Protein backbone atom coordinates (compact mmCIF):
# COMPACT_ATOMS: atom_id res chain seq x y z
CA MET A 1 3.59 16.37 -20.48
CA TYR A 2 2.67 15.54 -24.06
CA VAL A 3 -1.07 15.40 -24.72
CA CYS A 4 -2.74 14.11 -27.88
CA GLY A 5 -6.05 12.65 -28.94
CA HIS A 6 -8.20 10.97 -31.59
CA ILE A 7 -7.75 7.35 -30.55
CA HIS A 8 -11.06 7.04 -28.60
CA ASN A 9 -9.71 5.95 -25.23
CA PHE A 10 -7.70 7.20 -22.26
CA GLN A 11 -3.99 6.39 -21.90
CA HIS A 12 -1.19 7.58 -19.61
CA ILE A 13 2.26 6.27 -20.50
CA ARG A 14 5.68 7.07 -19.02
CA MET A 15 8.63 5.04 -20.17
CA ASN A 16 10.98 3.76 -17.47
CA GLY A 17 13.70 6.35 -16.81
CA SER A 18 11.80 9.16 -18.58
CA ASN A 19 10.16 12.20 -17.03
CA ILE A 20 7.78 12.73 -19.97
CA ASP A 21 4.12 11.83 -19.45
CA TYR A 22 2.36 10.82 -22.68
CA VAL A 23 -1.37 11.35 -22.29
CA VAL A 24 -4.05 10.31 -24.79
CA ASN A 25 -7.45 11.89 -24.29
CA SER A 26 -10.13 11.36 -26.85
CA ALA A 27 -12.81 9.30 -25.22
CA GLY A 28 -15.71 11.68 -25.88
CA SER A 29 -17.57 9.52 -28.36
CA LEU A 30 -16.93 6.05 -29.77
CA ALA A 31 -14.97 3.99 -27.24
CA ARG A 32 -12.24 1.62 -28.42
CA LYS A 33 -10.56 -1.24 -26.59
CA VAL A 34 -7.14 -0.47 -25.19
CA LYS A 35 -4.35 -2.75 -23.95
CA PRO A 36 -1.46 -1.73 -21.72
CA VAL A 37 1.86 -1.31 -23.51
CA GLU A 38 5.34 -0.83 -22.05
CA GLY A 39 5.24 2.13 -19.68
CA THR A 40 1.44 2.19 -19.25
CA LEU A 41 0.41 3.77 -15.95
CA PHE A 42 -3.29 3.89 -16.83
CA CYS A 43 -5.57 3.00 -19.73
CA SER A 44 -9.35 2.81 -20.09
CA PRO A 45 -11.86 2.45 -22.91
CA GLU A 46 -14.50 4.33 -20.88
CA PRO A 47 -16.14 7.27 -22.67
CA GLY A 48 -15.48 10.62 -21.05
CA PHE A 49 -13.39 13.76 -21.18
CA ALA A 50 -10.39 15.44 -19.55
CA VAL A 51 -10.04 18.61 -17.53
CA CYS A 52 -6.70 20.38 -17.35
CA THR A 53 -5.87 22.80 -14.52
CA ALA A 54 -2.72 24.93 -14.51
CA THR A 55 -1.21 27.21 -11.88
CA LYS A 56 2.21 28.85 -11.65
CA ASN A 57 3.65 25.65 -10.19
CA THR A 58 1.40 22.73 -11.15
CA LEU A 59 -0.29 21.14 -14.14
CA ASP A 60 -3.07 18.62 -13.45
CA LEU A 61 -4.99 16.61 -16.03
CA ARG A 62 -7.99 14.62 -14.81
CA MET A 63 -9.55 11.88 -16.93
CA ILE A 64 -13.27 11.83 -16.16
CA ASP A 65 -15.88 9.27 -17.19
CA LYS A 66 -19.33 10.11 -18.60
CA LYS A 67 -20.83 10.01 -15.08
CA GLY A 68 -18.34 12.59 -13.75
CA ASN A 69 -16.11 10.15 -11.85
CA ILE A 70 -12.38 10.89 -11.91
CA LEU A 71 -10.71 7.81 -13.39
CA HIS A 72 -7.09 8.99 -13.29
CA THR A 73 -5.08 12.14 -12.58
CA VAL A 74 -1.73 13.15 -14.06
CA SER A 75 0.07 15.83 -12.01
CA ARG A 76 3.31 17.66 -12.73
CA GLN A 77 5.15 20.10 -10.48
CA LYS A 78 7.34 22.92 -11.76
């Protein structure tokens, strides 16, 4: 999982045939429009934040809106 930010929206992209999840999380302030691109599994302009949870065997990233609703979850198993 590759996580980055500073684009003011949520995105989860995985190219066909790849096992790499590209996650954009930077929706904490100014929201920007977002359009799906090739490989988009989820995208949203909603303001919010992400919570990452890691155990020995799993990594979960939850994209959460400003009201606390989970918009999307990215999960990886070891």
